[in-house]
Amino acid sequence: MFGWFSMSEIARLRWLCRRGMKELDVLMTHYLEHHYPGATAAEQQAFEALLQMPDPDLYSLILGRSESTDEDITQLIKILRATHAE
């Protein structure tokens, strides 16, 4: 499922997907497991940047209450929203 990614890297990302908000935890973990392995390098970097954000900031981006000035993050937020609809 994760191809050439090292298990320690995936474990690190999975740990970072564990959020204080259950909704974010589920969304981020689902993306990691189903979309991250096939994502572009830019999308993977944007995902890791999102994982560094505090929950309220990340949640605000996902809900559309705020916007990022980073185009890669903006594109990833769109993907996360679509992923949520799956």
N, C-alpha and C. Protein backbone atom coordinates (compact mmCIF):
# COMPACT_ATOMS: atom_id res chain seq x y z
N MET A 1 0.82 -1.20 0.00
CA MET A 1 0.00 0.00 0.00
C MET A 1 0.87 1.26 0.00
N PHE A 2 1.97 1.26 0.74
CA PHE A 2 2.79 2.46 0.82
C PHE A 2 4.02 2.39 -0.04
N GLY A 3 4.17 1.32 -0.82
CA GLY A 3 5.25 1.21 -1.79
C GLY A 3 6.62 1.44 -1.20
N TRP A 4 7.32 2.43 -1.75
CA TRP A 4 8.71 2.66 -1.38
C TRP A 4 8.89 3.47 -0.10
N PHE A 5 7.82 3.91 0.51
CA PHE A 5 7.93 4.68 1.75
C PHE A 5 8.42 3.78 2.88
N SER A 6 9.31 4.29 3.68
CA SER A 6 9.78 3.50 4.82
C SER A 6 8.68 3.42 5.87
N MET A 7 8.65 2.31 6.55
CA MET A 7 7.63 2.11 7.58
C MET A 7 7.79 3.12 8.71
N SER A 8 9.02 3.52 9.00
CA SER A 8 9.21 4.51 10.06
C SER A 8 8.65 5.87 9.63
N GLU A 9 8.77 6.21 8.35
CA GLU A 9 8.21 7.47 7.85
C GLU A 9 6.68 7.44 7.92
N ILE A 10 6.10 6.33 7.51
CA ILE A 10 4.64 6.20 7.56
C ILE A 10 4.16 6.21 9.01
N ALA A 11 4.88 5.54 9.89
CA ALA A 11 4.52 5.54 11.31
C ALA A 11 4.58 6.96 11.88
N ARG A 12 5.60 7.72 11.47
CA ARG A 12 5.72 9.11 11.93
C ARG A 12 4.54 9.95 11.45
N LEU A 13 4.17 9.80 10.18
CA LEU A 13 3.04 10.54 9.64
C LEU A 13 1.73 10.10 10.29
N ARG A 14 1.58 8.80 10.50
CA ARG A 14 0.36 8.30 11.15
C ARG A 14 0.24 8.90 12.55
N TRP A 15 1.36 9.00 13.26
CA TRP A 15 1.34 9.59 14.60
C TRP A 15 0.92 11.06 14.52
N LEU A 16 1.45 11.78 13.53
CA LEU A 16 1.09 13.19 13.37
C LEU A 16 -0.37 13.37 12.97
N CYS A 17 -0.97 12.35 12.35
CA CYS A 17 -2.39 12.41 11.98
C CYS A 17 -3.29 12.32 13.20
N ARG A 18 -2.76 11.86 14.30
CA ARG A 18 -3.54 11.77 15.53
C ARG A 18 -3.73 13.19 16.06
N ARG A 19 -4.95 13.64 16.00
CA ARG A 19 -5.25 15.02 16.36
C ARG A 19 -6.10 15.07 17.62
N GLY A 20 -6.25 16.26 18.16
CA GLY A 20 -7.11 16.45 19.31
C GLY A 20 -8.58 16.42 18.94
N MET A 21 -8.86 16.64 17.68
CA MET A 21 -10.24 16.63 17.18
C MET A 21 -10.45 15.34 16.38
N LYS A 22 -11.40 14.55 16.78
CA LYS A 22 -11.66 13.26 16.12
C LYS A 22 -11.90 13.43 14.62
N GLU A 23 -12.62 14.49 14.23
CA GLU A 23 -12.92 14.72 12.82
C GLU A 23 -11.63 14.87 12.00
N LEU A 24 -10.67 15.61 12.55
CA LEU A 24 -9.39 15.80 11.86
C LEU A 24 -8.59 14.51 11.85
N ASP A 25 -8.62 13.80 12.94
CA ASP A 25 -7.92 12.52 13.06
C ASP A 25 -8.38 11.57 11.95
N VAL A 26 -9.67 11.43 11.79
CA VAL A 26 -10.23 10.52 10.78
C VAL A 26 -9.89 11.00 9.37
N LEU A 27 -10.06 12.27 9.11
CA LEU A 27 -9.81 12.84 7.79
C LEU A 27 -8.34 12.70 7.38
N MET A 28 -7.45 13.07 8.27
CA MET A 28 -6.03 13.04 7.95
C MET A 28 -5.52 11.60 7.80
N THR A 29 -5.97 10.71 8.66
CA THR A 29 -5.56 9.30 8.57
C THR A 29 -6.08 8.68 7.28
N HIS A 30 -7.32 8.98 6.92
CA HIS A 30 -7.89 8.45 5.68
C HIS A 30 -7.06 8.92 4.48
N TYR A 31 -6.71 10.19 4.46
CA TYR A 31 -5.89 10.71 3.36
C TYR A 31 -4.55 9.99 3.32
N LEU A 32 -3.90 9.85 4.47
CA LEU A 32 -2.60 9.19 4.53
C LEU A 32 -2.68 7.78 3.95
N GLU A 33 -3.67 7.04 4.33
CA GLU A 33 -3.77 5.65 3.93
C GLU A 33 -4.22 5.46 2.48
N HIS A 34 -5.05 6.36 1.97
CA HIS A 34 -5.66 6.15 0.66
C HIS A 34 -5.15 7.05 -0.46
N HIS A 35 -4.56 8.17 -0.11
CA HIS A 35 -4.17 9.14 -1.14
C HIS A 35 -2.69 9.53 -1.11
N TYR A 36 -2.11 9.57 0.06
CA TYR A 36 -0.72 10.01 0.20
C TYR A 36 0.26 9.23 -0.66
N PRO A 37 0.17 7.89 -0.70
CA PRO A 37 1.17 7.14 -1.49
C PRO A 37 1.21 7.52 -2.97
N GLY A 38 0.11 7.91 -3.55
CA GLY A 38 0.07 8.27 -4.96
C GLY A 38 0.14 9.76 -5.23
N ALA A 39 0.32 10.53 -4.18
CA ALA A 39 0.33 11.99 -4.32
C ALA A 39 1.66 12.47 -4.89
N THR A 40 1.62 13.65 -5.49
CA THR A 40 2.84 14.27 -5.99
C THR A 40 3.70 14.69 -4.80
N ALA A 41 4.96 14.98 -5.08
CA ALA A 41 5.87 15.43 -4.02
C ALA A 41 5.36 16.73 -3.39
N ALA A 42 4.84 17.64 -4.22
CA ALA A 42 4.31 18.91 -3.70
C ALA A 42 3.12 18.67 -2.79
N GLU A 43 2.25 17.74 -3.17
CA GLU A 43 1.08 17.44 -2.35
C GLU A 43 1.50 16.79 -1.04
N GLN A 44 2.49 15.91 -1.09
CA GLN A 44 2.99 15.28 0.13
C GLN A 44 3.61 16.31 1.07
N GLN A 45 4.34 17.26 0.50
CA GLN A 45 4.92 18.33 1.33
C GLN A 45 3.83 19.20 1.95
N ALA A 46 2.78 19.47 1.18
CA ALA A 46 1.66 20.27 1.70
C ALA A 46 0.97 19.50 2.84
N PHE A 47 0.82 18.19 2.68
CA PHE A 47 0.21 17.38 3.73
C PHE A 47 1.03 17.45 5.01
N GLU A 48 2.33 17.33 4.88
CA GLU A 48 3.19 17.42 6.06
C GLU A 48 3.12 18.80 6.69
N ALA A 49 2.98 19.84 5.87
CA ALA A 49 2.82 21.20 6.41
C ALA A 49 1.52 21.31 7.19
N LEU A 50 0.45 20.71 6.66
CA LEU A 50 -0.83 20.73 7.38
C LEU A 50 -0.72 20.02 8.72
N LEU A 51 0.03 18.92 8.75
CA LEU A 51 0.18 18.17 9.99
C LEU A 51 0.91 18.96 11.07
N GLN A 52 1.62 20.00 10.68
CA GLN A 52 2.33 20.84 11.64
C GLN A 52 1.45 21.96 12.21
N MET A 53 0.28 22.15 11.61
CA MET A 53 -0.62 23.23 12.04
C MET A 53 -1.38 22.84 13.31
N PRO A 54 -1.70 23.84 14.13
CA PRO A 54 -2.59 23.58 15.27
C PRO A 54 -3.98 23.19 14.76
N ASP A 55 -4.67 22.36 15.52
CA ASP A 55 -5.99 21.88 15.11
C ASP A 55 -6.96 23.00 14.72
N PRO A 56 -7.08 24.07 15.52
CA PRO A 56 -8.05 25.11 15.14
C PRO A 56 -7.75 25.74 13.77
N ASP A 57 -6.47 25.93 13.46
CA ASP A 57 -6.09 26.51 12.16
C ASP A 57 -6.41 25.54 11.02
N LEU A 58 -6.07 24.28 11.21
CA LEU A 58 -6.34 23.26 10.20
C LEU A 58 -7.84 23.10 9.98
N TYR A 59 -8.59 23.04 11.06
CA TYR A 59 -10.04 22.89 10.97
C TYR A 59 -10.66 24.08 10.24
N SER A 60 -10.17 25.27 10.52
CA SER A 60 -10.66 26.48 9.87
C SER A 60 -10.40 26.42 8.36
N LEU A 61 -9.24 25.93 7.95
CA LEU A 61 -8.94 25.78 6.53
C LEU A 61 -9.89 24.78 5.88
N ILE A 62 -10.09 23.66 6.51
CA ILE A 62 -10.93 22.61 5.95
C ILE A 62 -12.38 23.07 5.83
N LEU A 63 -12.85 23.82 6.81
CA LEU A 63 -14.22 24.32 6.76
C LEU A 63 -14.39 25.52 5.83
N GLY A 64 -13.29 26.09 5.37
CA GLY A 64 -13.37 27.24 4.48
C GLY A 64 -13.53 28.55 5.21
N ARG A 65 -13.30 28.55 6.50
CA ARG A 65 -13.40 29.78 7.28
C ARG A 65 -12.16 30.65 7.10
N SER A 66 -11.06 30.01 6.66
CA SER A 66 -9.85 30.76 6.34
C SER A 66 -9.25 30.15 5.09
N GLU A 67 -8.31 30.86 4.50
CA GLU A 67 -7.66 30.39 3.28
C GLU A 67 -6.15 30.48 3.44
N SER A 68 -5.47 29.59 2.75
CA SER A 68 -4.01 29.61 2.77
C SER A 68 -3.51 30.43 1.59
N THR A 69 -2.36 31.04 1.78
CA THR A 69 -1.73 31.76 0.67
C THR A 69 -0.86 30.81 -0.15
N ASP A 70 -0.66 29.60 0.35
CA ASP A 70 0.15 28.59 -0.34
C ASP A 70 -0.75 27.79 -1.28
N GLU A 71 -0.46 27.84 -2.58
CA GLU A 71 -1.30 27.17 -3.58
C GLU A 71 -1.35 25.66 -3.39
N ASP A 72 -0.22 25.06 -3.00
CA ASP A 72 -0.20 23.61 -2.78
C ASP A 72 -1.12 23.21 -1.62
N ILE A 73 -1.11 24.00 -0.57
CA ILE A 73 -2.00 23.72 0.56
C ILE A 73 -3.45 23.93 0.15
N THR A 74 -3.73 24.97 -0.61
CA THR A 74 -5.09 25.22 -1.09
C THR A 74 -5.59 24.04 -1.91
N GLN A 75 -4.74 23.51 -2.79
CA GLN A 75 -5.13 22.35 -3.61
C GLN A 75 -5.36 21.12 -2.73
N LEU A 76 -4.51 20.93 -1.74
CA LEU A 76 -4.67 19.78 -0.85
C LEU A 76 -5.95 19.89 -0.03
N ILE A 77 -6.28 21.07 0.40
CA ILE A 77 -7.54 21.26 1.15
C ILE A 77 -8.72 20.85 0.28
N LYS A 78 -8.69 21.18 -0.99
CA LYS A 78 -9.76 20.76 -1.91
C LYS A 78 -9.83 19.23 -1.98
N ILE A 79 -8.67 18.60 -2.03
CA ILE A 79 -8.62 17.14 -2.07
C ILE A 79 -9.17 16.55 -0.77
N LEU A 80 -8.79 17.13 0.35
CA LEU A 80 -9.29 16.65 1.64
C LEU A 80 -10.81 16.77 1.74
N ARG A 81 -11.32 17.87 1.25
CA ARG A 81 -12.78 18.05 1.24
C ARG A 81 -13.45 17.00 0.38
N ALA A 82 -12.88 16.71 -0.78
CA ALA A 82 -13.44 15.68 -1.67
C ALA A 82 -13.29 14.30 -1.03
N THR A 83 -12.18 14.07 -0.35
CA THR A 83 -11.94 12.81 0.34
C THR A 83 -13.00 12.58 1.41
N HIS A 84 -13.36 13.65 2.08
CA HIS A 84 -14.37 13.56 3.14
C HIS A 84 -15.70 13.09 2.58
N ALA A 85 -15.97 13.43 1.35
CA ALA A 85 -17.24 13.05 0.72
C ALA A 85 -17.26 11.60 0.27
N GLU A 86 -16.11 10.92 0.27
CA GLU A 86 -16.05 9.52 -0.19
C GLU A 86 -16.81 8.58 0.72
